[in-house]
Amino acid sequence: MGRSRSKRTALPPTERLHPRADDLDLVSTEEVVRRLHQEDEAAVRAVRPALREVARVARAVSDALRAGGRLLYVGAGTSGRLGVLDASECPPTFGASPQQVQAVIAGGRRAMTHAVEGAEDDAEAGAASMIRLRVESRDVVCGISASARTPFVLGALEEARRRGARTVLVCCNRPGPRVRVEHVLLAETGPELVAGSTRLKAGTATKLILNALTTAAFVTQGKVYRGRMVDVRPTNEKLRARATRMVAELTDLSPAAAARLLERARGEVKVALAMHFTGLPEKEAKRRLKQTTLRDLVSNKNKNPSPSGRGTG
């Protein structure tokens, strides 16, 4: 009995048996769902101690993107899929280039929907992915590993560090002394209700951290104005309606007038707003927005109003 307990405590926290899980297969479905929800709440609390460091990394990511660098996520299994999810949402949400935030998953594209046996254990493949992507000093490489010891991820981080990139590890167990990165974003979520199933609480905490990283980084770059995603790419009917609604709400124009203004701005919400608030033509508004944020452009216009006044669309 003592030997068994010793083995259990030697396991990393995310692999241990949850103290309230022994009867999980005996309780009602409602009770299973209730306990899972309680664990989700615990995941949110686990992220809180890491917020200051998350903000530091978000600033580093923003600086890297401004300098022409990239944010590169590296993970395996659930962790890798969460990286792919966050990276894939940045272009439609923030108008980012697909090259700015990328994700590498052990086992390649097939691993998005199927388990690829042994892929996460290949440290050399992780390192090779960094070589293939030509990682350099302008980049931020963010490894994602709930266990903090996935060989594919650690191999990638080691190669990224060797190439001068800033390195980050998002994890739910404390990393060992051999893990050498500049930033550790640790959410100590502990044992899962289904032992070792880190798609649960650890996955929830990881997603919260990744969402915060990219959202904060892009907010600091002026991709959000008054709580709206003003660099959204209106590529479908829902997004076109959202773009028109944003312009109408922020300018007090009628929906019809907002649609006309948006058309003159070639579908770009931020350009339409700059045109309205400054009276600038489309090309000049676009040029100015490459030099400053919409908020700064509007603030400076209000401080130094020109005789021409506002555009009305």
C-alpha atoms as a PDB file:
ATOM      1  CA  MET A   1       0.000   0.000   0.000  1.00  0.00           C
ATOM      2  CA  GLY A   2       2.796   2.384   0.943  1.00  0.00           C
ATOM      3  CA  ARG A   3       4.650   1.626  -2.275  1.00  0.00           C
ATOM      4  CA  SER A   4       1.526   2.384  -4.336  1.00  0.00           C
ATOM      5  CA  ARG A   5       0.984   5.705  -2.564  1.00  0.00           C
ATOM      6  CA  SER A   6       4.653   6.582  -3.128  1.00  0.00           C
ATOM      7  CA  LYS A   7       4.273   5.958  -6.857  1.00  0.00           C
ATOM      8  CA  ARG A   8       1.170   8.138  -6.977  1.00  0.00           C
ATOM      9  CA  THR A   9       2.849  11.096  -5.282  1.00  0.00           C
ATOM     10  CA  ALA A  10       5.877  10.751  -7.592  1.00  0.00           C
ATOM     11  CA  LEU A  11       3.626  11.476 -10.545  1.00  0.00           C
ATOM     12  CA  PRO A  12       3.323  15.079 -11.751  1.00  0.00           C
ATOM     13  CA  PRO A  13       0.176  16.736 -10.353  1.00  0.00           C
ATOM     14  CA  THR A  14      -1.767  16.619 -13.628  1.00  0.00           C
ATOM     15  CA  GLU A  15      -1.329  12.819 -13.749  1.00  0.00           C
ATOM     16  CA  ARG A  16      -2.448  12.084 -10.185  1.00  0.00           C
ATOM     17  CA  LEU A  17      -5.836  10.777  -9.102  1.00  0.00           C
ATOM     18  CA  HIS A  18      -8.236  13.530  -8.072  1.00  0.00           C
ATOM     19  CA  PRO A  19      -9.384  13.095  -4.438  1.00  0.00           C
ATOM     20  CA  ARG A  20     -13.049  13.492  -5.483  1.00  0.00           C
ATOM     21  CA  ALA A  21     -12.901  11.230  -8.534  1.00  0.00           C
ATOM     22  CA  ASP A  22     -12.866   7.732  -7.054  1.00  0.00           C
ATOM     23  CA  ASP A  23     -16.658   7.450  -7.219  1.00  0.00           C
ATOM     24  CA  LEU A  24     -17.096   9.421 -10.453  1.00  0.00           C
ATOM     25  CA  ASP A  25     -18.508   6.416 -12.312  1.00  0.00           C
ATOM     26  CA  LEU A  26     -21.063   5.801  -9.541  1.00  0.00           C
ATOM     27  CA  VAL A  27     -22.668   9.227  -9.202  1.00  0.00           C
ATOM     28  CA  SER A  28     -25.440  10.726 -11.336  1.00  0.00           C
ATOM     29  CA  THR A  29     -24.787  12.434 -14.662  1.00  0.00           C
ATOM     30  CA  GLU A  30     -25.853  15.728 -13.062  1.00  0.00           C
ATOM     31  CA  GLU A  31     -23.220  15.255 -10.347  1.00  0.00           C
ATOM     32  CA  VAL A  32     -20.509  14.498 -12.923  1.00  0.00           C
ATOM     33  CA  VAL A  33     -21.359  17.710 -14.787  1.00  0.00           C
ATOM     34  CA  ARG A  34     -21.462  19.708 -11.526  1.00  0.00           C
ATOM     35  CA  ARG A  35     -18.010  18.486 -10.517  1.00  0.00           C
ATOM     36  CA  LEU A  36     -16.614  19.257 -13.959  1.00  0.00           C
ATOM     37  CA  HIS A  37     -17.974  22.790 -13.677  1.00  0.00           C
ATOM     38  CA  GLN A  38     -16.352  23.201 -10.268  1.00  0.00           C
ATOM     39  CA  GLU A  39     -13.062  22.131 -11.815  1.00  0.00           C
ATOM     40  CA  ASP A  40     -13.497  24.712 -14.575  1.00  0.00           C
ATOM     41  CA  GLU A  41     -13.825  27.367 -11.897  1.00  0.00           C
ATOM     42  CA  ALA A  42     -10.625  26.041 -10.320  1.00  0.00           C
ATOM     43  CA  ALA A  43      -8.875  26.413 -13.694  1.00  0.00           C
ATOM     44  CA  VAL A  44      -9.769  30.112 -13.801  1.00  0.00           C
ATOM     45  CA  ARG A  45      -8.372  30.587 -10.291  1.00  0.00           C
ATOM     46  CA  ALA A  46      -5.192  28.732 -11.244  1.00  0.00           C
ATOM     47  CA  VAL A  47      -4.445  31.247 -14.004  1.00  0.00           C
ATOM     48  CA  ARG A  48      -4.675  34.264 -11.703  1.00  0.00           C
ATOM     49  CA  PRO A  49      -1.129  34.051 -10.212  1.00  0.00           C
ATOM     50  CA  ALA A  50       0.336  34.055 -13.732  1.00  0.00           C
ATOM     51  CA  LEU A  51      -1.395  37.225 -14.950  1.00  0.00           C
ATOM     52  CA  ARG A  52       1.531  39.584 -14.347  1.00  0.00           C
ATOM     53  CA  GLU A  53       3.861  37.326 -16.309  1.00  0.00           C
ATOM     54  CA  VAL A  54       1.231  36.865 -19.043  1.00  0.00           C
ATOM     55  CA  ALA A  55       1.155  40.658 -19.427  1.00  0.00           C
ATOM     56  CA  ARG A  56       4.964  40.759 -19.720  1.00  0.00           C
ATOM     57  CA  VAL A  57       4.903  38.151 -22.455  1.00  0.00           C
ATOM     58  CA  ALA A  58       2.027  39.928 -24.250  1.00  0.00           C
ATOM     59  CA  ARG A  59       4.140  43.103 -24.353  1.00  0.00           C
ATOM     60  CA  ALA A  60       7.074  41.082 -25.693  1.00  0.00           C
ATOM     61  CA  VAL A  61       4.837  39.576 -28.382  1.00  0.00           C
ATOM     62  CA  SER A  62       3.557  43.016 -29.364  1.00  0.00           C
ATOM     63  CA  ASP A  63       7.130  44.328 -29.619  1.00  0.00           C
ATOM     64  CA  ALA A  64       8.128  41.301 -31.690  1.00  0.00           C
ATOM     65  CA  LEU A  65       5.251  41.771 -34.132  1.00  0.00           C
ATOM     66  CA  ARG A  66       6.057  45.472 -34.529  1.00  0.00           C
ATOM     67  CA  ALA A  67       9.660  44.531 -35.346  1.00  0.00           C
ATOM     68  CA  GLY A  68       8.541  42.083 -38.029  1.00  0.00           C
ATOM     69  CA  GLY A  69       8.858  39.012 -35.827  1.00  0.00           C
ATOM     70  CA  ARG A  70       6.340  36.260 -35.111  1.00  0.00           C
ATOM     71  CA  LEU A  71       4.636  34.456 -32.271  1.00  0.00           C
ATOM     72  CA  LEU A  72       5.126  30.721 -32.797  1.00  0.00           C
ATOM     73  CA  TYR A  73       3.180  28.220 -30.700  1.00  0.00           C
ATOM     74  CA  VAL A  74       4.594  24.709 -30.305  1.00  0.00           C
ATOM     75  CA  GLY A  75       2.670  21.843 -28.723  1.00  0.00           C
ATOM     76  CA  ALA A  76       1.540  18.239 -28.932  1.00  0.00           C
ATOM     77  CA  GLY A  77      -1.889  16.664 -28.552  1.00  0.00           C
ATOM     78  CA  THR A  78      -4.442  18.886 -26.830  1.00  0.00           C
ATOM     79  CA  SER A  79      -1.815  21.554 -26.146  1.00  0.00           C
ATOM     80  CA  GLY A  80      -0.858  21.684 -29.813  1.00  0.00           C
ATOM     81  CA  ARG A  81      -4.479  21.871 -30.923  1.00  0.00           C
ATOM     82  CA  LEU A  82      -5.109  24.787 -28.577  1.00  0.00           C
ATOM     83  CA  GLY A  83      -2.145  26.597 -30.138  1.00  0.00           C
ATOM     84  CA  VAL A  84      -3.544  25.984 -33.630  1.00  0.00           C
ATOM     85  CA  LEU A  85      -6.960  27.231 -32.506  1.00  0.00           C
ATOM     86  CA  ASP A  86      -5.625  30.487 -31.076  1.00  0.00           C
ATOM     87  CA  ALA A  87      -3.317  31.157 -34.027  1.00  0.00           C
ATOM     88  CA  SER A  88      -6.055  30.506 -36.591  1.00  0.00           C
ATOM     89  CA  GLU A  89      -8.382  33.055 -34.961  1.00  0.00           C
ATOM     90  CA  CYS A  90      -5.913  35.961 -35.108  1.00  0.00           C
ATOM     91  CA  PRO A  91      -6.306  36.844 -38.829  1.00  0.00           C
ATOM     92  CA  PRO A  92     -10.129  37.084 -38.858  1.00  0.00           C
ATOM     93  CA  THR A  93     -10.338  38.764 -35.439  1.00  0.00           C
ATOM     94  CA  PHE A  94      -7.476  41.242 -35.655  1.00  0.00           C
ATOM     95  CA  GLY A  95      -6.723  41.473 -39.370  1.00  0.00           C
ATOM     96  CA  ALA A  96      -3.334  39.923 -38.649  1.00  0.00           C
ATOM     97  CA  SER A  97      -1.226  38.289 -41.311  1.00  0.00           C
ATOM     98  CA  PRO A  98      -1.313  34.473 -41.061  1.00  0.00           C
ATOM     99  CA  GLN A  99       2.481  34.628 -40.757  1.00  0.00           C
ATOM    100  CA  GLN A 100       2.392  36.718 -37.581  1.00  0.00           C
ATOM    101  CA  VAL A 101       0.978  34.024 -35.309  1.00  0.00           C
ATOM    102  CA  GLN A 102       1.651  30.430 -36.310  1.00  0.00           C
ATOM    103  CA  ALA A 103       1.314  27.076 -34.604  1.00  0.00           C
ATOM    104  CA  VAL A 104       3.354  23.898 -34.849  1.00  0.00           C
ATOM    105  CA  ILE A 105       1.819  20.642 -33.648  1.00  0.00           C
ATOM    106  CA  ALA A 106       3.745  17.406 -33.178  1.00  0.00           C
ATOM    107  CA  GLY A 107       2.758  15.005 -35.947  1.00  0.00           C
ATOM    108  CA  GLY A 108       1.713  17.754 -38.357  1.00  0.00           C
ATOM    109  CA  ARG A 109      -1.766  18.418 -39.735  1.00  0.00           C
ATOM    110  CA  ARG A 110      -2.949  14.848 -39.198  1.00  0.00           C
ATOM    111  CA  ALA A 111      -2.453  15.367 -35.442  1.00  0.00           C
ATOM    112  CA  MET A 112      -5.247  17.941 -35.452  1.00  0.00           C
ATOM    113  CA  THR A 113      -7.843  15.170 -35.701  1.00  0.00           C
ATOM    114  CA  HIS A 114      -5.929  11.941 -35.004  1.00  0.00           C
ATOM    115  CA  ALA A 115      -3.424  10.754 -32.423  1.00  0.00           C
ATOM    116  CA  VAL A 116       0.002  10.414 -34.051  1.00  0.00           C
ATOM    117  CA  GLU A 117       1.860   7.787 -32.063  1.00  0.00           C
ATOM    118  CA  GLY A 118       5.224   8.852 -30.683  1.00  0.00           C
ATOM    119  CA  ALA A 119       5.163  12.336 -32.227  1.00  0.00           C
ATOM    120  CA  GLU A 120       5.300  14.136 -28.890  1.00  0.00           C
ATOM    121  CA  ASP A 121       8.358  12.128 -27.808  1.00  0.00           C
ATOM    122  CA  ASP A 122      10.521  13.331 -30.702  1.00  0.00           C
ATOM    123  CA  ALA A 123      12.674  16.200 -29.430  1.00  0.00           C
ATOM    124  CA  GLU A 124      14.664  16.279 -32.665  1.00  0.00           C
ATOM    125  CA  ALA A 125      11.478  16.830 -34.675  1.00  0.00           C
ATOM    126  CA  GLY A 126      10.648  19.775 -32.410  1.00  0.00           C
ATOM    127  CA  ALA A 127      14.067  21.295 -33.029  1.00  0.00           C
ATOM    128  CA  ALA A 128      13.747  20.630 -36.764  1.00  0.00           C
ATOM    129  CA  SER A 129      10.459  22.553 -36.858  1.00  0.00           C
ATOM    130  CA  MET A 130      12.249  25.645 -35.591  1.00  0.00           C
ATOM    131  CA  ILE A 131      14.957  25.252 -38.215  1.00  0.00           C
ATOM    132  CA  ARG A 132      12.329  24.807 -40.928  1.00  0.00           C
ATOM    133  CA  LEU A 133      10.554  28.005 -39.810  1.00  0.00           C
ATOM    134  CA  ARG A 134      13.890  29.875 -39.728  1.00  0.00           C
ATOM    135  CA  VAL A 135      13.331  31.099 -36.202  1.00  0.00           C
ATOM    136  CA  GLU A 136      15.384  34.173 -35.346  1.00  0.00           C
ATOM    137  CA  SER A 137      15.922  36.736 -32.607  1.00  0.00           C
ATOM    138  CA  ARG A 138      12.849  38.796 -33.539  1.00  0.00           C
ATOM    139  CA  ASP A 139      10.525  35.854 -32.833  1.00  0.00           C
ATOM    140  CA  VAL A 140       8.759  34.707 -29.668  1.00  0.00           C
ATOM    141  CA  VAL A 141       8.445  30.922 -29.403  1.00  0.00           C
ATOM    142  CA  CYS A 142       5.797  29.757 -26.952  1.00  0.00           C
ATOM    143  CA  GLY A 143       5.870  26.093 -25.997  1.00  0.00           C
ATOM    144  CA  ILE A 144       2.606  24.622 -24.686  1.00  0.00           C
ATOM    145  CA  SER A 145       2.869  21.558 -22.464  1.00  0.00           C
ATOM    146  CA  ALA A 146       0.567  20.794 -19.543  1.00  0.00           C
ATOM    147  CA  SER A 147       3.161  18.375 -18.158  1.00  0.00           C
ATOM    148  CA  ALA A 148       6.049  20.829 -18.751  1.00  0.00           C
ATOM    149  CA  ARG A 149       8.125  17.948 -20.076  1.00  0.00           C
ATOM    150  CA  THR A 150       6.923  17.058 -23.592  1.00  0.00           C
ATOM    151  CA  PRO A 151      10.135  16.251 -25.557  1.00  0.00           C
ATOM    152  CA  PHE A 152       8.852  17.708 -28.860  1.00  0.00           C
ATOM    153  CA  VAL A 153       8.112  21.023 -27.142  1.00  0.00           C
ATOM    154  CA  LEU A 154      11.329  21.140 -25.125  1.00  0.00           C
ATOM    155  CA  GLY A 155      13.386  20.297 -28.218  1.00  0.00           C
ATOM    156  CA  ALA A 156      11.759  23.175 -30.091  1.00  0.00           C
ATOM    157  CA  LEU A 157      12.321  25.597 -27.213  1.00  0.00           C
ATOM    158  CA  GLU A 158      15.970  24.637 -26.883  1.00  0.00           C
ATOM    159  CA  GLU A 159      16.583  25.197 -30.603  1.00  0.00           C
ATOM    160  CA  ALA A 160      14.643  28.488 -30.522  1.00  0.00           C
ATOM    161  CA  ARG A 161      16.743  29.674 -27.587  1.00  0.00           C
ATOM    162  CA  ARG A 162      19.914  28.682 -29.405  1.00  0.00           C
ATOM    163  CA  ARG A 163      18.781  30.791 -32.363  1.00  0.00           C
ATOM    164  CA  GLY A 164      18.221  33.862 -30.159  1.00  0.00           C
ATOM    165  CA  ALA A 165      14.414  33.864 -29.971  1.00  0.00           C
ATOM    166  CA  ARG A 166      12.560  34.800 -26.794  1.00  0.00           C
ATOM    167  CA  THR A 167      11.177  31.613 -25.270  1.00  0.00           C
ATOM    168  CA  VAL A 168       8.027  30.983 -23.228  1.00  0.00           C
ATOM    169  CA  LEU A 169       6.511  27.853 -21.692  1.00  0.00           C
ATOM    170  CA  VAL A 170       2.790  27.587 -20.875  1.00  0.00           C
ATOM    171  CA  CYS A 171       2.344  24.691 -18.450  1.00  0.00           C
ATOM    172  CA  CYS A 172       0.283  23.270 -15.596  1.00  0.00           C
ATOM    173  CA  ASN A 173       3.091  21.480 -13.728  1.00  0.00           C
ATOM    174  CA  ARG A 174       6.222  23.184 -12.446  1.00  0.00           C
ATOM    175  CA  PRO A 175       9.006  22.673 -15.009  1.00  0.00           C
ATOM    176  CA  GLY A 176      12.155  20.833 -13.989  1.00  0.00           C
ATOM    177  CA  PRO A 177      15.585  22.480 -13.670  1.00  0.00           C
ATOM    178  CA  ARG A 178      16.605  21.412 -17.180  1.00  0.00           C
ATOM    179  CA  VAL A 179      13.871  23.487 -18.792  1.00  0.00           C
ATOM    180  CA  ARG A 180      15.518  26.751 -19.801  1.00  0.00           C
ATOM    181  CA  VAL A 181      13.138  29.476 -20.978  1.00  0.00           C
ATOM    182  CA  GLU A 182      12.811  33.192 -20.290  1.00  0.00           C
ATOM    183  CA  HIS A 183       9.179  33.101 -19.219  1.00  0.00           C
ATOM    184  CA  VAL A 184       7.109  30.406 -17.527  1.00  0.00           C
ATOM    185  CA  LEU A 185       3.338  30.885 -17.591  1.00  0.00           C
ATOM    186  CA  LEU A 186       2.291  28.388 -14.950  1.00  0.00           C
ATOM    187  CA  ALA A 187      -1.288  27.538 -14.002  1.00  0.00           C
ATOM    188  CA  GLU A 188      -1.148  24.836 -11.351  1.00  0.00           C
ATOM    189  CA  THR A 189      -4.430  23.108 -12.075  1.00  0.00           C
ATOM    190  CA  GLY A 190      -3.619  19.861 -10.240  1.00  0.00           C
ATOM    191  CA  PRO A 191      -5.246  16.454 -10.809  1.00  0.00           C
ATOM    192  CA  GLU A 192      -8.055  16.030 -13.319  1.00  0.00           C
ATOM    193  CA  LEU A 193     -11.386  14.393 -12.524  1.00  0.00           C
ATOM    194  CA  VAL A 194     -10.391  11.858 -15.178  1.00  0.00           C
ATOM    195  CA  ALA A 195      -6.773  11.233 -14.220  1.00  0.00           C
ATOM    196  CA  GLY A 196      -4.333  12.484 -16.853  1.00  0.00           C
ATOM    197  CA  SER A 197      -7.018  13.914 -19.164  1.00  0.00           C
ATOM    198  CA  THR A 198      -5.467  17.353 -19.499  1.00  0.00           C
ATOM    199  CA  ARG A 199      -8.007  18.358 -22.163  1.00  0.00           C
ATOM    200  CA  LEU A 200     -10.177  19.180 -19.114  1.00  0.00           C
ATOM    201  CA  LYS A 201      -9.004  21.627 -16.461  1.00  0.00           C
ATOM    202  CA  ALA A 202      -5.460  22.040 -17.770  1.00  0.00           C
ATOM    203  CA  GLY A 203      -6.801  22.632 -21.281  1.00  0.00           C
ATOM    204  CA  THR A 204      -9.207  25.265 -19.990  1.00  0.00           C
ATOM    205  CA  ALA A 205      -6.431  27.116 -18.171  1.00  0.00           C
ATOM    206  CA  THR A 206      -4.151  26.893 -21.207  1.00  0.00           C
ATOM    207  CA  LYS A 207      -6.800  28.346 -23.515  1.00  0.00           C
ATOM    208  CA  LEU A 208      -7.350  31.245 -21.107  1.00  0.00           C
ATOM    209  CA  ILE A 209      -3.637  32.057 -21.158  1.00  0.00           C
ATOM    210  CA  LEU A 210      -3.307  31.847 -24.943  1.00  0.00           C
ATOM    211  CA  ASN A 211      -6.408  34.006 -25.456  1.00  0.00           C
ATOM    212  CA  ALA A 212      -4.984  36.607 -23.084  1.00  0.00           C
ATOM    213  CA  LEU A 213      -1.577  36.600 -24.785  1.00  0.00           C
ATOM    214  CA  THR A 214      -2.746  37.323 -28.307  1.00  0.00           C
ATOM    215  CA  THR A 215      -5.674  39.560 -27.373  1.00  0.00           C
ATOM    216  CA  ALA A 216      -3.546  41.791 -25.130  1.00  0.00           C
ATOM    217  CA  ALA A 217      -0.749  41.912 -27.710  1.00  0.00           C
ATOM    218  CA  PHE A 218      -3.084  42.993 -30.503  1.00  0.00           C
ATOM    219  CA  VAL A 219      -4.996  45.461 -28.303  1.00  0.00           C
ATOM    220  CA  THR A 220      -1.711  47.290 -27.637  1.00  0.00           C
ATOM    221  CA  GLN A 221      -1.227  47.530 -31.400  1.00  0.00           C
ATOM    222  CA  GLY A 222      -4.503  49.373 -31.883  1.00  0.00           C
ATOM    223  CA  LYS A 223      -6.382  46.402 -33.321  1.00  0.00           C
ATOM    224  CA  VAL A 224      -9.257  47.091 -30.909  1.00  0.00           C
ATOM    225  CA  TYR A 225     -11.047  50.438 -30.534  1.00  0.00           C
ATOM    226  CA  ARG A 226     -13.624  51.049 -27.810  1.00  0.00           C
ATOM    227  CA  GLY A 227     -14.091  47.313 -27.355  1.00  0.00           C
ATOM    228  CA  ARG A 228     -14.641  46.568 -31.050  1.00  0.00           C
ATOM    229  CA  MET A 229     -12.513  44.442 -33.376  1.00  0.00           C
ATOM    230  CA  VAL A 230     -11.997  47.261 -35.860  1.00  0.00           C
ATOM    231  CA  ASP A 231      -9.499  45.299 -37.959  1.00  0.00           C
ATOM    232  CA  VAL A 232     -11.977  42.465 -38.555  1.00  0.00           C
ATOM    233  CA  ARG A 233     -12.002  41.086 -42.083  1.00  0.00           C
ATOM    234  CA  PRO A 234     -15.638  41.060 -43.264  1.00  0.00           C
ATOM    235  CA  THR A 235     -15.380  37.863 -45.301  1.00  0.00           C
ATOM    236  CA  ASN A 236     -18.946  36.618 -44.825  1.00  0.00           C
ATOM    237  CA  GLU A 237     -22.445  38.006 -44.359  1.00  0.00           C
ATOM    238  CA  LYS A 238     -22.275  37.913 -40.553  1.00  0.00           C
ATOM    239  CA  LEU A 239     -18.977  39.800 -40.471  1.00  0.00           C
ATOM    240  CA  ARG A 240     -20.142  42.337 -43.070  1.00  0.00           C
ATOM    241  CA  ALA A 241     -23.180  43.056 -40.899  1.00  0.00           C
ATOM    242  CA  ARG A 242     -20.930  43.366 -37.842  1.00  0.00           C
ATOM    243  CA  ALA A 243     -18.628  45.777 -39.663  1.00  0.00           C
ATOM    244  CA  THR A 244     -21.536  48.009 -40.677  1.00  0.00           C
ATOM    245  CA  ARG A 245     -22.953  47.869 -37.149  1.00  0.00           C
ATOM    246  CA  MET A 246     -19.602  48.885 -35.641  1.00  0.00           C
ATOM    247  CA  VAL A 247     -19.275  51.875 -37.956  1.00  0.00           C
ATOM    248  CA  ALA A 248     -22.855  52.944 -37.237  1.00  0.00           C
ATOM    249  CA  GLU A 249     -22.460  52.598 -33.451  1.00  0.00           C
ATOM    250  CA  LEU A 250     -19.158  54.446 -33.279  1.00  0.00           C
ATOM    251  CA  THR A 251     -20.130  57.312 -35.596  1.00  0.00           C
ATOM    252  CA  ASP A 252     -23.855  57.703 -34.811  1.00  0.00           C
ATOM    253  CA  LEU A 253     -24.518  57.326 -38.536  1.00  0.00           C
ATOM    254  CA  SER A 254     -27.580  55.497 -39.827  1.00  0.00           C
ATOM    255  CA  PRO A 255     -26.921  51.907 -40.987  1.00  0.00           C
ATOM    256  CA  ALA A 256     -27.341  53.025 -44.617  1.00  0.00           C
ATOM    257  CA  ALA A 257     -24.852  55.886 -44.218  1.00  0.00           C
ATOM    258  CA  ALA A 258     -22.444  53.599 -42.341  1.00  0.00           C
ATOM    259  CA  ALA A 259     -22.623  51.075 -45.203  1.00  0.00           C
ATOM    260  CA  ARG A 260     -21.817  53.811 -47.738  1.00  0.00           C
ATOM    261  CA  LEU A 261     -18.877  55.017 -45.671  1.00  0.00           C
ATOM    262  CA  LEU A 262     -17.626  51.463 -45.324  1.00  0.00           C
ATOM    263  CA  GLU A 263     -17.861  51.003 -49.086  1.00  0.00           C
ATOM    264  CA  ARG A 264     -15.768  54.148 -49.620  1.00  0.00           C
ATOM    265  CA  ALA A 265     -13.240  52.689 -47.166  1.00  0.00           C
ATOM    266  CA  ARG A 266     -13.113  49.468 -49.219  1.00  0.00           C
ATOM    267  CA  GLY A 267     -14.636  47.443 -46.409  1.00  0.00           C
ATOM    268  CA  GLU A 268     -12.055  48.415 -43.779  1.00  0.00           C
ATOM    269  CA  VAL A 269     -13.755  49.431 -40.531  1.00  0.00           C
ATOM    270  CA  LYS A 270     -10.765  51.240 -39.084  1.00  0.00           C
ATOM    271  CA  VAL A 271     -10.218  53.241 -42.258  1.00  0.00           C
ATOM    272  CA  ALA A 272     -13.911  54.158 -42.373  1.00  0.00           C
ATOM    273  CA  LEU A 273     -13.749  55.436 -38.799  1.00  0.00           C
ATOM    274  CA  ALA A 274     -10.584  57.412 -39.479  1.00  0.00           C
ATOM    275  CA  MET A 275     -12.224  58.990 -42.520  1.00  0.00           C
ATOM    276  CA  HIS A 276     -15.302  59.952 -40.512  1.00  0.00           C
ATOM    277  CA  PHE A 277     -13.507  61.404 -37.503  1.00  0.00           C
ATOM    278  CA  THR A 278     -10.744  63.251 -39.399  1.00  0.00           C
ATOM    279  CA  GLY A 279     -12.338  64.138 -42.739  1.00  0.00           C
ATOM    280  CA  LEU A 280      -9.397  62.528 -44.550  1.00  0.00           C
ATOM    281  CA  PRO A 281      -9.845  60.720 -47.859  1.00  0.00           C
ATOM    282  CA  GLU A 282      -9.485  56.941 -47.884  1.00  0.00           C
ATOM    283  CA  LYS A 283      -5.854  56.701 -49.051  1.00  0.00           C
ATOM    284  CA  GLU A 284      -4.602  59.348 -46.626  1.00  0.00           C
ATOM    285  CA  ALA A 285      -6.538  57.830 -43.717  1.00  0.00           C
ATOM    286  CA  LYS A 286      -5.002  54.453 -44.496  1.00  0.00           C
ATOM    287  CA  ARG A 287      -1.523  55.966 -44.689  1.00  0.00           C
ATOM    288  CA  ARG A 288      -1.927  57.696 -41.329  1.00  0.00           C
ATOM    289  CA  LEU A 289      -3.156  54.486 -39.696  1.00  0.00           C
ATOM    290  CA  LYS A 290       0.097  52.783 -40.662  1.00  0.00           C
ATOM    291  CA  GLN A 291       1.885  55.382 -38.555  1.00  0.00           C
ATOM    292  CA  THR A 292      -0.375  55.550 -35.498  1.00  0.00           C
ATOM    293  CA  THR A 293      -3.402  53.975 -33.818  1.00  0.00           C
ATOM    294  CA  LEU A 294      -6.958  55.022 -34.526  1.00  0.00           C
ATOM    295  CA  ARG A 295      -7.348  56.314 -30.969  1.00  0.00           C
ATOM    296  CA  ASP A 296      -4.251  58.510 -31.278  1.00  0.00           C
ATOM    297  CA  LEU A 297      -5.325  59.731 -34.691  1.00  0.00           C
ATOM    298  CA  VAL A 298      -8.754  60.728 -33.386  1.00  0.00           C
ATOM    299  CA  SER A 299      -7.294  62.290 -30.210  1.00  0.00           C
ATOM    300  CA  ASN A 300      -4.814  64.381 -32.173  1.00  0.00           C
ATOM    301  CA  LYS A 301      -7.562  65.508 -34.548  1.00  0.00           C
ATOM    302  CA  ASN A 302      -9.705  66.631 -31.622  1.00  0.00           C
ATOM    303  CA  LYS A 303      -6.775  68.582 -30.169  1.00  0.00           C
ATOM    304  CA  ASN A 304      -6.029  70.233 -33.502  1.00  0.00           C
ATOM    305  CA  PRO A 305      -9.311  70.463 -35.450  1.00  0.00           C
ATOM    306  CA  SER A 306      -9.004  71.429 -39.091  1.00  0.00           C
ATOM    307  CA  PRO A 307     -11.415  73.804 -40.859  1.00  0.00           C
ATOM    308  CA  SER A 308     -12.717  70.998 -43.062  1.00  0.00           C
ATOM    309  CA  GLY A 309     -14.406  69.273 -40.117  1.00  0.00           C
ATOM    310  CA  ARG A 310     -15.587  65.691 -39.993  1.00  0.00           C
ATOM    311  CA  GLY A 311     -16.532  63.451 -42.839  1.00  0.00           C
ATOM    312  CA  THR A 312     -20.077  62.184 -42.686  1.00  0.00           C
ATOM    313  CA  GLY A 313     -20.048  59.233 -45.080  1.00  0.00           C
END
